[in-house]
Amino acid sequence: MDSCIWKGTKVFLDSAGHDIKWIGDFTSDPGDEIILSIANKESRILITLDKDFGELAILYRKPHSGIIRLVGFSVLQQGNICVKIIEKYANELQSGAIVTVDKTRVRILVILYQS
């Protein structure tokens, strides 16, 4: 999880059996490219509020293991939403989808790169 995600979200995800690494527990923020790289190397879905990770994945073709971007949810809603999205869109996320979630819709982007 990116440091912009509420730390309490870890409790919801832990309770649902997910192994969580929260960037807020690091001694310093390593920056978006390194965060995305760490998540990918560890086969972790990255959860964030920022557009920057999608831009890195789409525009700069940085590898990733799935990204969830939350838009417009309160900190108290983040955990419950994350659990639901991971459960409902597990296959898409495992395929490297970028899932953007707001209060009215879910958008899924799967990028197929050609060599």
PDB file of N, CA and C in Angstrom:
ATOM      1  N   MET A   1       0.839  -1.175   0.000  1.00  0.00           N
ATOM      2  CA  MET A   1       0.000   0.000   0.000  1.00  0.00           C
ATOM      3  C   MET A   1       0.880   1.233   0.000  1.00  0.00           C
ATOM      4  N   ASP A   2       0.505   2.190  -0.805  1.00  0.00           N
ATOM      5  CA  ASP A   2       1.186   3.470  -0.836  1.00  0.00           C
ATOM      6  C   ASP A   2       0.938   4.187   0.493  1.00  0.00           C
ATOM      7  N   SER A   3       1.827   5.094   0.860  1.00  0.00           N
ATOM      8  CA  SER A   3       1.707   5.787   2.146  1.00  0.00           C
ATOM      9  C   SER A   3       0.486   6.698   2.211  1.00  0.00           C
ATOM     10  N   CYS A   4      -0.109   7.041   1.056  1.00  0.00           N
ATOM     11  CA  CYS A   4      -1.301   7.893   1.072  1.00  0.00           C
ATOM     12  C   CYS A   4      -2.552   7.129   1.497  1.00  0.00           C
ATOM     13  N   ILE A   5      -2.491   5.827   1.514  1.00  0.00           N
ATOM     14  CA  ILE A   5      -3.611   5.011   1.980  1.00  0.00           C
ATOM     15  C   ILE A   5      -3.569   4.967   3.505  1.00  0.00           C
ATOM     16  N   TRP A   6      -4.724   5.114   4.124  1.00  0.00           N
ATOM     17  CA  TRP A   6      -4.829   5.130   5.585  1.00  0.00           C
ATOM     18  C   TRP A   6      -4.264   3.843   6.168  1.00  0.00           C
ATOM     19  N   LYS A   7      -3.440   3.979   7.199  1.00  0.00           N
ATOM     20  CA  LYS A   7      -2.801   2.826   7.830  1.00  0.00           C
ATOM     21  C   LYS A   7      -3.826   1.815   8.352  1.00  0.00           C
ATOM     22  N   GLY A   8      -4.981   2.279   8.772  1.00  0.00           N
ATOM     23  CA  GLY A   8      -6.025   1.398   9.275  1.00  0.00           C
ATOM     24  C   GLY A   8      -6.548   0.431   8.227  1.00  0.00           C
ATOM     25  N   THR A   9      -6.308   0.724   6.968  1.00  0.00           N
ATOM     26  CA  THR A   9      -6.707  -0.178   5.886  1.00  0.00           C
ATOM     27  C   THR A   9      -6.002  -1.521   6.025  1.00  0.00           C
ATOM     28  N   LYS A  10      -4.803  -1.501   6.618  1.00  0.00           N
ATOM     29  CA  LYS A  10      -4.064  -2.750   6.845  1.00  0.00           C
ATOM     30  C   LYS A  10      -4.878  -3.737   7.670  1.00  0.00           C
ATOM     31  N   VAL A  11      -5.615  -3.244   8.646  1.00  0.00           N
ATOM     32  CA  VAL A  11      -6.412  -4.113   9.523  1.00  0.00           C
ATOM     33  C   VAL A  11      -7.458  -4.872   8.699  1.00  0.00           C
ATOM     34  N   PHE A  12      -8.159  -4.158   7.809  1.00  0.00           N
ATOM     35  CA  PHE A  12      -9.171  -4.799   6.967  1.00  0.00           C
ATOM     36  C   PHE A  12      -8.535  -5.863   6.079  1.00  0.00           C
ATOM     37  N   LEU A  13      -7.418  -5.519   5.450  1.00  0.00           N
ATOM     38  CA  LEU A  13      -6.774  -6.449   4.527  1.00  0.00           C
ATOM     39  C   LEU A  13      -6.148  -7.627   5.269  1.00  0.00           C
ATOM     40  N   ASP A  14      -5.540  -7.371   6.426  1.00  0.00           N
ATOM     41  CA  ASP A  14      -4.996  -8.458   7.251  1.00  0.00           C
ATOM     42  C   ASP A  14      -6.113  -9.420   7.666  1.00  0.00           C
ATOM     43  N   SER A  15      -7.240  -8.863   8.081  1.00  0.00           N
ATOM     44  CA  SER A  15      -8.382  -9.678   8.522  1.00  0.00           C
ATOM     45  C   SER A  15      -8.905 -10.569   7.402  1.00  0.00           C
ATOM     46  N   ALA A  16      -8.752 -10.100   6.173  1.00  0.00           N
ATOM     47  CA  ALA A  16      -9.216 -10.871   5.018  1.00  0.00           C
ATOM     48  C   ALA A  16      -8.140 -11.846   4.522  1.00  0.00           C
ATOM     49  N   GLY A  17      -7.016 -11.911   5.238  1.00  0.00           N
ATOM     50  CA  GLY A  17      -5.973 -12.877   4.908  1.00  0.00           C
ATOM     51  C   GLY A  17      -4.920 -12.402   3.929  1.00  0.00           C
ATOM     52  N   HIS A  18      -4.850 -11.106   3.691  1.00  0.00           N
ATOM     53  CA  HIS A  18      -3.865 -10.564   2.757  1.00  0.00           C
ATOM     54  C   HIS A  18      -2.577 -10.183   3.479  1.00  0.00           C
ATOM     55  N   ASP A  19      -1.453 -10.413   2.828  1.00  0.00           N
ATOM     56  CA  ASP A  19      -0.136 -10.033   3.341  1.00  0.00           C
ATOM     57  C   ASP A  19       0.143  -8.606   2.877  1.00  0.00           C
ATOM     58  N   ILE A  20       0.262  -7.682   3.814  1.00  0.00           N
ATOM     59  CA  ILE A  20       0.334  -6.264   3.498  1.00  0.00           C
ATOM     60  C   ILE A  20       1.702  -5.686   3.807  1.00  0.00           C
ATOM     61  N   LYS A  21       2.166  -4.831   2.910  1.00  0.00           N
ATOM     62  CA  LYS A  21       3.340  -4.008   3.165  1.00  0.00           C
ATOM     63  C   LYS A  21       2.894  -2.570   2.924  1.00  0.00           C
ATOM     64  N   TRP A  22       3.017  -1.728   3.953  1.00  0.00           N
ATOM     65  CA  TRP A  22       2.582  -0.327   3.858  1.00  0.00           C
ATOM     66  C   TRP A  22       3.816   0.562   3.812  1.00  0.00           C
ATOM     67  N   ILE A  23       3.913   1.388   2.802  1.00  0.00           N
ATOM     68  CA  ILE A  23       5.082   2.256   2.628  1.00  0.00           C
ATOM     69  C   ILE A  23       5.233   3.215   3.806  1.00  0.00           C
ATOM     70  N   GLY A  24       4.155   3.536   4.482  1.00  0.00           N
ATOM     71  CA  GLY A  24       4.226   4.408   5.662  1.00  0.00           C
ATOM     72  C   GLY A  24       5.057   3.812   6.788  1.00  0.00           C
ATOM     73  N   ASP A  25       5.290   2.493   6.765  1.00  0.00           N
ATOM     74  CA  ASP A  25       6.139   1.855   7.772  1.00  0.00           C
ATOM     75  C   ASP A  25       7.629   1.965   7.437  1.00  0.00           C
ATOM     76  N   PHE A  26       7.959   2.399   6.226  1.00  0.00           N
ATOM     77  CA  PHE A  26       9.363   2.580   5.845  1.00  0.00           C
ATOM     78  C   PHE A  26       9.925   3.798   6.575  1.00  0.00           C
ATOM     79  N   THR A  27      11.234   3.863   6.735  1.00  0.00           N
ATOM     80  CA  THR A  27      11.850   5.022   7.399  1.00  0.00           C
ATOM     81  C   THR A  27      11.745   6.279   6.550  1.00  0.00           C
ATOM     82  N   SER A  28      11.691   6.112   5.221  1.00  0.00           N
ATOM     83  CA  SER A  28      11.470   7.252   4.325  1.00  0.00           C
ATOM     84  C   SER A  28      10.762   6.753   3.071  1.00  0.00           C
ATOM     85  N   ASP A  29      10.101   7.663   2.387  1.00  0.00           N
ATOM     86  CA  ASP A  29       9.386   7.317   1.164  1.00  0.00           C
ATOM     87  C   ASP A  29      10.408   7.153   0.043  1.00  0.00           C
ATOM     88  N   PRO A  30      10.504   5.966  -0.561  1.00  0.00           N
ATOM     89  CA  PRO A  30      11.520   5.735  -1.586  1.00  0.00           C
ATOM     90  C   PRO A  30      11.181   6.332  -2.956  1.00  0.00           C
ATOM     91  N   GLY A  31       9.980   6.847  -3.132  1.00  0.00           N
ATOM     92  CA  GLY A  31       9.575   7.410  -4.415  1.00  0.00           C
ATOM     93  C   GLY A  31       8.739   6.422  -5.212  1.00  0.00           C
ATOM     94  N   ASP A  32       7.939   6.957  -6.107  1.00  0.00           N
ATOM     95  CA  ASP A  32       6.953   6.154  -6.830  1.00  0.00           C
ATOM     96  C   ASP A  32       7.563   5.024  -7.661  1.00  0.00           C
ATOM     97  N   GLU A  33       8.618   5.305  -8.394  1.00  0.00           N
ATOM     98  CA  GLU A  33       9.206   4.259  -9.249  1.00  0.00           C
ATOM     99  C   GLU A  33       9.721   3.087  -8.419  1.00  0.00           C
ATOM    100  N   ILE A  34      10.345   3.377  -7.298  1.00  0.00           N
ATOM    101  CA  ILE A  34      10.871   2.312  -6.442  1.00  0.00           C
ATOM    102  C   ILE A  34       9.724   1.561  -5.772  1.00  0.00           C
ATOM    103  N   ILE A  35       8.699   2.277  -5.345  1.00  0.00           N
ATOM    104  CA  ILE A  35       7.532   1.624  -4.737  1.00  0.00           C
ATOM    105  C   ILE A  35       6.906   0.656  -5.739  1.00  0.00           C
ATOM    106  N   LEU A  36       6.716   1.097  -6.971  1.00  0.00           N
ATOM    107  CA  LEU A  36       6.133   0.241  -7.995  1.00  0.00           C
ATOM    108  C   LEU A  36       7.035  -0.961  -8.272  1.00  0.00           C
ATOM    109  N   SER A  37       8.336  -0.734  -8.298  1.00  0.00           N
ATOM    110  CA  SER A  37       9.293  -1.814  -8.534  1.00  0.00           C
ATOM    111  C   SER A  37       9.265  -2.845  -7.404  1.00  0.00           C
ATOM    112  N   ILE A  38       9.239  -2.374  -6.160  1.00  0.00           N
ATOM    113  CA  ILE A  38       9.178  -3.285  -5.008  1.00  0.00           C
ATOM    114  C   ILE A  38       7.906  -4.132  -5.073  1.00  0.00           C
ATOM    115  N   ALA A  39       6.776  -3.475  -5.322  1.00  0.00           N
ATOM    116  CA  ALA A  39       5.497  -4.194  -5.402  1.00  0.00           C
ATOM    117  C   ALA A  39       5.553  -5.249  -6.500  1.00  0.00           C
ATOM    118  N   ASN A  40       6.106  -4.897  -7.634  1.00  0.00           N
ATOM    119  CA  ASN A  40       6.183  -5.850  -8.743  1.00  0.00           C
ATOM    120  C   ASN A  40       7.115  -7.019  -8.410  1.00  0.00           C
ATOM    121  N   LYS A  41       8.290  -6.731  -7.873  1.00  0.00           N
ATOM    122  CA  LYS A  41       9.246  -7.794  -7.541  1.00  0.00           C
ATOM    123  C   LYS A  41       8.675  -8.764  -6.519  1.00  0.00           C
ATOM    124  N   GLU A  42       7.808  -8.266  -5.625  1.00  0.00           N
ATOM    125  CA  GLU A  42       7.207  -9.109  -4.592  1.00  0.00           C
ATOM    126  C   GLU A  42       5.816  -9.607  -4.999  1.00  0.00           C
ATOM    127  N   SER A  43       5.444  -9.372  -6.256  1.00  0.00           N
ATOM    128  CA  SER A  43       4.130  -9.779  -6.784  1.00  0.00           C
ATOM    129  C   SER A  43       2.984  -9.264  -5.930  1.00  0.00           C
ATOM    130  N   ARG A  44       3.076  -7.995  -5.563  1.00  0.00           N
ATOM    131  CA  ARG A  44       2.045  -7.351  -4.740  1.00  0.00           C
ATOM    132  C   ARG A  44       1.206  -6.401  -5.576  1.00  0.00           C
ATOM    133  N   ILE A  45      -0.067  -6.352  -5.273  1.00  0.00           N
ATOM    134  CA  ILE A  45      -0.960  -5.350  -5.849  1.00  0.00           C
ATOM    135  C   ILE A  45      -0.655  -4.040  -5.139  1.00  0.00           C
ATOM    136  N   LEU A  46      -0.503  -2.983  -5.894  1.00  0.00           N
ATOM    137  CA  LEU A  46      -0.255  -1.672  -5.304  1.00  0.00           C
ATOM    138  C   LEU A  46      -1.579  -0.945  -5.137  1.00  0.00           C
ATOM    139  N   ILE A  47      -1.847  -0.472  -3.934  1.00  0.00           N
ATOM    140  CA  ILE A  47      -3.070   0.283  -3.652  1.00  0.00           C
ATOM    141  C   ILE A  47      -2.664   1.721  -3.379  1.00  0.00           C
ATOM    142  N   THR A  48      -3.319   2.662  -4.057  1.00  0.00           N
ATOM    143  CA  THR A  48      -2.918   4.059  -3.971  1.00  0.00           C
ATOM    144  C   THR A  48      -4.106   4.992  -4.190  1.00  0.00           C
ATOM    145  N   LEU A  49      -3.878   6.272  -3.932  1.00  0.00           N
ATOM    146  CA  LEU A  49      -4.819   7.331  -4.286  1.00  0.00           C
ATOM    147  C   LEU A  49      -4.294   8.115  -5.489  1.00  0.00           C
ATOM    148  N   ASP A  50      -3.023   7.917  -5.819  1.00  0.00           N
ATOM    149  CA  ASP A  50      -2.323   8.727  -6.817  1.00  0.00           C
ATOM    150  C   ASP A  50      -2.449   8.203  -8.245  1.00  0.00           C
ATOM    151  N   LYS A  51      -2.531   9.134  -9.190  1.00  0.00           N
ATOM    152  CA  LYS A  51      -2.523   8.810 -10.615  1.00  0.00           C
ATOM    153  C   LYS A  51      -1.123   8.429 -11.094  1.00  0.00           C
ATOM    154  N   ASP A  52      -0.113   8.850 -10.373  1.00  0.00           N
ATOM    155  CA  ASP A  52       1.273   8.697 -10.813  1.00  0.00           C
ATOM    156  C   ASP A  52       1.636   7.259 -11.169  1.00  0.00           C
ATOM    157  N   PHE A  53       1.132   6.295 -10.427  1.00  0.00           N
ATOM    158  CA  PHE A  53       1.494   4.897 -10.672  1.00  0.00           C
ATOM    159  C   PHE A  53       0.897   4.398 -11.985  1.00  0.00           C
ATOM    160  N   GLY A  54      -0.304   4.802 -12.287  1.00  0.00           N
ATOM    161  CA  GLY A  54      -0.903   4.449 -13.570  1.00  0.00           C
ATOM    162  C   GLY A  54      -0.118   5.053 -14.721  1.00  0.00           C
ATOM    163  N   GLU A  55       0.326   6.287 -14.542  1.00  0.00           N
ATOM    164  CA  GLU A  55       1.139   6.932 -15.570  1.00  0.00           C
ATOM    165  C   GLU A  55       2.455   6.186 -15.769  1.00  0.00           C
ATOM    166  N   LEU A  56       3.077   5.770 -14.676  1.00  0.00           N
ATOM    167  CA  LEU A  56       4.321   4.998 -14.801  1.00  0.00           C
ATOM    168  C   LEU A  56       4.072   3.696 -15.565  1.00  0.00           C
ATOM    169  N   ALA A  57       2.953   3.046 -15.269  1.00  0.00           N
ATOM    170  CA  ALA A  57       2.635   1.772 -15.912  1.00  0.00           C
ATOM    171  C   ALA A  57       2.254   1.956 -17.375  1.00  0.00           C
ATOM    172  N   ILE A  58       1.480   2.974 -17.671  1.00  0.00           N
ATOM    173  CA  ILE A  58       0.968   3.154 -19.028  1.00  0.00           C
ATOM    174  C   ILE A  58       1.962   3.900 -19.923  1.00  0.00           C
ATOM    175  N   LEU A  59       2.357   5.084 -19.503  1.00  0.00           N
ATOM    176  CA  LEU A  59       3.216   5.916 -20.354  1.00  0.00           C
ATOM    177  C   LEU A  59       4.654   5.417 -20.434  1.00  0.00           C
ATOM    178  N   TYR A  60       5.156   4.927 -19.303  1.00  0.00           N
ATOM    179  CA  TYR A  60       6.564   4.535 -19.257  1.00  0.00           C
ATOM    180  C   TYR A  60       6.750   3.018 -19.241  1.00  0.00           C
ATOM    181  N   ARG A  61       5.623   2.296 -19.336  1.00  0.00           N
ATOM    182  CA  ARG A  61       5.633   0.832 -19.419  1.00  0.00           C
ATOM    183  C   ARG A  61       6.414   0.164 -18.278  1.00  0.00           C
ATOM    184  N   LYS A  62       6.301   0.742 -17.100  1.00  0.00           N
ATOM    185  CA  LYS A  62       6.934   0.141 -15.926  1.00  0.00           C
ATOM    186  C   LYS A  62       6.139  -1.104 -15.535  1.00  0.00           C
ATOM    187  N   PRO A  63       6.827  -2.207 -15.304  1.00  0.00           N
ATOM    188  CA  PRO A  63       6.111  -3.436 -14.934  1.00  0.00           C
ATOM    189  C   PRO A  63       5.457  -3.316 -13.557  1.00  0.00           C
ATOM    190  N   HIS A  64       4.338  -4.000 -13.409  1.00  0.00           N
ATOM    191  CA  HIS A  64       3.618  -3.996 -12.135  1.00  0.00           C
ATOM    192  C   HIS A  64       2.819  -5.272 -12.014  1.00  0.00           C
ATOM    193  N   SER A  65       2.329  -5.523 -10.815  1.00  0.00           N
ATOM    194  CA  SER A  65       1.543  -6.730 -10.532  1.00  0.00           C
ATOM    195  C   SER A  65       0.109  -6.386 -10.188  1.00  0.00           C
ATOM    196  N   GLY A  66      -0.405  -5.329 -10.797  1.00  0.00           N
ATOM    197  CA  GLY A  66      -1.763  -4.865 -10.535  1.00  0.00           C
ATOM    198  C   GLY A  66      -1.746  -3.614  -9.678  1.00  0.00           C
ATOM    199  N   ILE A  67      -2.622  -2.694 -10.023  1.00  0.00           N
ATOM    200  CA  ILE A  67      -2.728  -1.422  -9.292  1.00  0.00           C
ATOM    201  C   ILE A  67      -4.199  -1.153  -9.020  1.00  0.00           C
ATOM    202  N   ILE A  68      -4.488  -0.771  -7.781  1.00  0.00           N
ATOM    203  CA  ILE A  68      -5.825  -0.296  -7.418  1.00  0.00           C
ATOM    204  C   ILE A  68      -5.680   1.170  -7.046  1.00  0.00           C
ATOM    205  N   ARG A  69      -6.455   2.019  -7.710  1.00  0.00           N
ATOM    206  CA  ARG A  69      -6.469   3.448  -7.377  1.00  0.00           C
ATOM    207  C   ARG A  69      -7.850   3.803  -6.845  1.00  0.00           C
ATOM    208  N   LEU A  70      -7.876   4.311  -5.611  1.00  0.00           N
ATOM    209  CA  LEU A  70      -9.127   4.722  -4.975  1.00  0.00           C
ATOM    210  C   LEU A  70      -9.332   6.215  -5.199  1.00  0.00           C
ATOM    211  N   VAL A  71     -10.552   6.598  -5.532  1.00  0.00           N
ATOM    212  CA  VAL A  71     -10.865   8.002  -5.788  1.00  0.00           C
ATOM    213  C   VAL A  71     -12.089   8.400  -4.969  1.00  0.00           C
ATOM    214  N   GLY A  72     -11.914   9.361  -4.083  1.00  0.00           N
ATOM    215  CA  GLY A  72     -13.051   9.961  -3.388  1.00  0.00           C
ATOM    216  C   GLY A  72     -13.612   9.210  -2.199  1.00  0.00           C
ATOM    217  N   PHE A  73     -12.859   8.268  -1.651  1.00  0.00           N
ATOM    218  CA  PHE A  73     -13.332   7.539  -0.472  1.00  0.00           C
ATOM    219  C   PHE A  73     -12.698   8.107   0.784  1.00  0.00           C
ATOM    220  N   SER A  74     -13.461   8.138   1.867  1.00  0.00           N
ATOM    221  CA  SER A  74     -12.909   8.573   3.147  1.00  0.00           C
ATOM    222  C   SER A  74     -11.942   7.508   3.656  1.00  0.00           C
ATOM    223  N   VAL A  75     -11.099   7.868   4.589  1.00  0.00           N
ATOM    224  CA  VAL A  75     -10.148   6.907   5.142  1.00  0.00           C
ATOM    225  C   VAL A  75     -10.880   5.714   5.751  1.00  0.00           C
ATOM    226  N   LEU A  76     -12.022   5.947   6.343  1.00  0.00           N
ATOM    227  CA  LEU A  76     -12.759   4.858   6.978  1.00  0.00           C
ATOM    228  C   LEU A  76     -13.397   3.906   5.966  1.00  0.00           C
ATOM    229  N   GLN A  77     -13.545   4.331   4.725  1.00  0.00           N
ATOM    230  CA  GLN A  77     -14.116   3.478   3.682  1.00  0.00           C
ATOM    231  C   GLN A  77     -13.050   2.674   2.941  1.00  0.00           C
ATOM    232  N   GLN A  78     -11.799   3.111   2.983  1.00  0.00           N
ATOM    233  CA  GLN A  78     -10.747   2.530   2.159  1.00  0.00           C
ATOM    234  C   GLN A  78     -10.555   1.026   2.370  1.00  0.00           C
ATOM    235  N   GLY A  79     -10.511   0.585   3.599  1.00  0.00           N
ATOM    236  CA  GLY A  79     -10.258  -0.826   3.878  1.00  0.00           C
ATOM    237  C   GLY A  79     -11.324  -1.737   3.320  1.00  0.00           C
ATOM    238  N   ASN A  80     -12.569  -1.419   3.588  1.00  0.00           N
ATOM    239  CA  ASN A  80     -13.683  -2.230   3.113  1.00  0.00           C
ATOM    240  C   ASN A  80     -13.718  -2.275   1.583  1.00  0.00           C
ATOM    241  N   ILE A  81     -13.506  -1.136   0.956  1.00  0.00           N
ATOM    242  CA  ILE A  81     -13.500  -1.070  -0.512  1.00  0.00           C
ATOM    243  C   ILE A  81     -12.361  -1.922  -1.068  1.00  0.00           C
ATOM    244  N   CYS A  82     -11.172  -1.826  -0.495  1.00  0.00           N
ATOM    245  CA  CYS A  82     -10.025  -2.609  -0.977  1.00  0.00           C
ATOM    246  C   CYS A  82     -10.301  -4.107  -0.916  1.00  0.00           C
ATOM    247  N   VAL A  83     -10.838  -4.566   0.188  1.00  0.00           N
ATOM    248  CA  VAL A  83     -11.137  -5.990   0.334  1.00  0.00           C
ATOM    249  C   VAL A  83     -12.115  -6.427  -0.752  1.00  0.00           C
ATOM    250  N   LYS A  84     -13.173  -5.654  -0.966  1.00  0.00           N
ATOM    251  CA  LYS A  84     -14.177  -6.007  -1.977  1.00  0.00           C
ATOM    252  C   LYS A  84     -13.585  -6.014  -3.388  1.00  0.00           C
ATOM    253  N   ILE A  85     -12.774  -5.022  -3.694  1.00  0.00           N
ATOM    254  CA  ILE A  85     -12.190  -4.932  -5.038  1.00  0.00           C
ATOM    255  C   ILE A  85     -11.214  -6.074  -5.279  1.00  0.00           C
ATOM    256  N   ILE A  86     -10.381  -6.381  -4.308  1.00  0.00           N
ATOM    257  CA  ILE A  86      -9.418  -7.482  -4.468  1.00  0.00           C
ATOM    258  C   ILE A  86     -10.160  -8.802  -4.672  1.00  0.00           C
ATOM    259  N   GLU A  87     -11.221  -9.016  -3.915  1.00  0.00           N
ATOM    260  CA  GLU A  87     -11.984 -10.263  -4.059  1.00  0.00           C
ATOM    261  C   GLU A  87     -12.698 -10.334  -5.409  1.00  0.00           C
ATOM    262  N   LYS A  88     -13.337  -9.255  -5.806  1.00  0.00           N
ATOM    263  CA  LYS A  88     -14.147  -9.265  -7.028  1.00  0.00           C
ATOM    264  C   LYS A  88     -13.298  -9.271  -8.296  1.00  0.00           C
ATOM    265  N   TYR A  89     -12.152  -8.591  -8.270  1.00  0.00           N
ATOM    266  CA  TYR A  89     -11.332  -8.434  -9.476  1.00  0.00           C
ATOM    267  C   TYR A  89      -9.961  -9.100  -9.352  1.00  0.00           C
ATOM    268  N   ALA A  90      -9.889 -10.171  -8.592  1.00  0.00           N
ATOM    269  CA  ALA A  90      -8.613 -10.867  -8.370  1.00  0.00           C
ATOM    270  C   ALA A  90      -7.967 -11.316  -9.676  1.00  0.00           C
ATOM    271  N   ASN A  91      -8.746 -11.900 -10.569  1.00  0.00           N
ATOM    272  CA  ASN A  91      -8.188 -12.385 -11.833  1.00  0.00           C
ATOM    273  C   ASN A  91      -7.630 -11.250 -12.674  1.00  0.00           C
ATOM    274  N   GLU A  92      -8.360 -10.160 -12.760  1.00  0.00           N
ATOM    275  CA  GLU A  92      -7.906  -9.013 -13.543  1.00  0.00           C
ATOM    276  C   GLU A  92      -6.622  -8.423 -12.941  1.00  0.00           C
ATOM    277  N   LEU A  93      -6.595  -8.295 -11.616  1.00  0.00           N
ATOM    278  CA  LEU A  93      -5.415  -7.748 -10.954  1.00  0.00           C
ATOM    279  C   LEU A  93      -4.204  -8.657 -11.137  1.00  0.00           C
ATOM    280  N   GLN A  94      -4.411  -9.956 -11.046  1.00  0.00           N
ATOM    281  CA  GLN A  94      -3.314 -10.901 -11.253  1.00  0.00           C
ATOM    282  C   GLN A  94      -2.782 -10.832 -12.682  1.00  0.00           C
ATOM    283  N   SER A  95      -3.613 -10.375 -13.596  1.00  0.00           N
ATOM    284  CA  SER A  95      -3.193 -10.217 -14.990  1.00  0.00           C
ATOM    285  C   SER A  95      -2.532  -8.864 -15.234  1.00  0.00           C
ATOM    286  N   GLY A  96      -2.379  -8.063 -14.175  1.00  0.00           N
ATOM    287  CA  GLY A  96      -1.719  -6.770 -14.305  1.00  0.00           C
ATOM    288  C   GLY A  96      -2.636  -5.619 -14.647  1.00  0.00           C
ATOM    289  N   ALA A  97      -3.899  -5.723 -14.298  1.00  0.00           N
ATOM    290  CA  ALA A  97      -4.851  -4.649 -14.580  1.00  0.00           C
ATOM    291  C   ALA A  97      -4.621  -3.457 -13.652  1.00  0.00           C
ATOM    292  N   ILE A  98      -5.046  -2.311 -14.137  1.00  0.00           N
ATOM    293  CA  ILE A  98      -5.133  -1.111 -13.312  1.00  0.00           C
ATOM    294  C   ILE A  98      -6.622  -0.899 -13.062  1.00  0.00           C
ATOM    295  N   VAL A  99      -7.023  -0.957 -11.798  1.00  0.00           N
ATOM    296  CA  VAL A  99      -8.428  -0.842 -11.424  1.00  0.00           C
ATOM    297  C   VAL A  99      -8.617   0.482 -10.689  1.00  0.00           C
ATOM    298  N   THR A 100      -9.422   1.359 -11.288  1.00  0.00           N
ATOM    299  CA  THR A 100      -9.727   2.653 -10.679  1.00  0.00           C
ATOM    300  C   THR A 100     -11.145   2.588 -10.152  1.00  0.00           C
ATOM    301  N   VAL A 101     -11.295   2.927  -8.869  1.00  0.00           N
ATOM    302  CA  VAL A 101     -12.579   2.791  -8.194  1.00  0.00           C
ATOM    303  C   VAL A 101     -13.001   4.139  -7.631  1.00  0.00           C
ATOM    304  N   ASP A 102     -14.196   4.578  -8.002  1.00  0.00           N
ATOM    305  CA  ASP A 102     -14.776   5.736  -7.328  1.00  0.00           C
ATOM    306  C   ASP A 102     -16.156   5.344  -6.828  1.00  0.00           C
ATOM    307  N   LYS A 103     -16.897   6.278  -6.309  1.00  0.00           N
ATOM    308  CA  LYS A 103     -18.165   5.940  -5.662  1.00  0.00           C
ATOM    309  C   LYS A 103     -19.251   5.505  -6.637  1.00  0.00           C
ATOM    310  N   THR A 104     -19.069   5.758  -7.926  1.00  0.00           N
ATOM    311  CA  THR A 104     -20.115   5.415  -8.886  1.00  0.00           C
ATOM    312  C   THR A 104     -19.719   4.342  -9.892  1.00  0.00           C
ATOM    313  N   ARG A 105     -18.417   4.032 -10.000  1.00  0.00           N
ATOM    314  CA  ARG A 105     -18.019   3.040 -10.999  1.00  0.00           C
ATOM    315  C   ARG A 105     -16.643   2.445 -10.716  1.00  0.00           C
ATOM    316  N   VAL A 106     -16.385   1.371 -11.419  1.00  0.00           N
ATOM    317  CA  VAL A 106     -15.082   0.705 -11.395  1.00  0.00           C
ATOM    318  C   VAL A 106     -14.612   0.655 -12.842  1.00  0.00           C
ATOM    319  N   ARG A 107     -13.406   1.145 -13.084  1.00  0.00           N
ATOM    320  CA  ARG A 107     -12.822   1.080 -14.429  1.00  0.00           C
ATOM    321  C   ARG A 107     -11.627   0.139 -14.382  1.00  0.00           C
ATOM    322  N   ILE A 108     -11.545  -0.739 -15.359  1.00  0.00           N
ATOM    323  CA  ILE A 108     -10.458  -1.712 -15.413  1.00  0.00           C
ATOM    324  C   ILE A 108      -9.723  -1.517 -16.723  1.00  0.00           C
ATOM    325  N   LEU A 109      -8.422  -1.335 -16.620  1.00  0.00           N
ATOM    326  CA  LEU A 109      -7.570  -1.179 -17.784  1.00  0.00           C
ATOM    327  C   LEU A 109      -6.544  -2.296 -17.786  1.00  0.00           C
ATOM    328  N   VAL A 110      -6.583  -3.084 -18.842  1.00  0.00           N
ATOM    329  CA  VAL A 110      -5.581  -4.127 -19.019  1.00  0.00           C
ATOM    330  C   VAL A 110      -4.752  -3.726 -20.229  1.00  0.00           C
ATOM    331  N   ILE A 111      -3.468  -3.629 -20.046  1.00  0.00           N
ATOM    332  CA  ILE A 111      -2.563  -3.202 -21.104  1.00  0.00           C
ATOM    333  C   ILE A 111      -1.906  -4.419 -21.730  1.00  0.00           C
ATOM    334  N   LEU A 112      -2.039  -4.532 -23.026  1.00  0.00           N
ATOM    335  CA  LEU A 112      -1.401  -5.618 -23.754  1.00  0.00           C
ATOM    336  C   LEU A 112      -0.252  -5.018 -24.553  1.00  0.00           C
ATOM    337  N   TYR A 113       0.955  -5.252 -24.085  1.00  0.00           N
ATOM    338  CA  TYR A 113       2.127  -4.704 -24.770  1.00  0.00           C
ATOM    339  C   TYR A 113       2.556  -5.647 -25.882  1.00  0.00           C
ATOM    340  N   GLN A 114       2.951  -5.050 -26.970  1.00  0.00           N
ATOM    341  CA  GLN A 114       3.501  -5.830 -28.056  1.00  0.00           C
ATOM    342  C   GLN A 114       4.994  -5.562 -28.140  1.00  0.00           C
ATOM    343  N   SER A 115       5.745  -6.599 -28.414  1.00  0.00           N
ATOM    344  CA  SER A 115       7.192  -6.461 -28.527  1.00  0.00           C
ATOM    345  C   SER A 115       7.569  -5.765 -29.806  1.00  0.00           C
TER     346      SER A 115
END
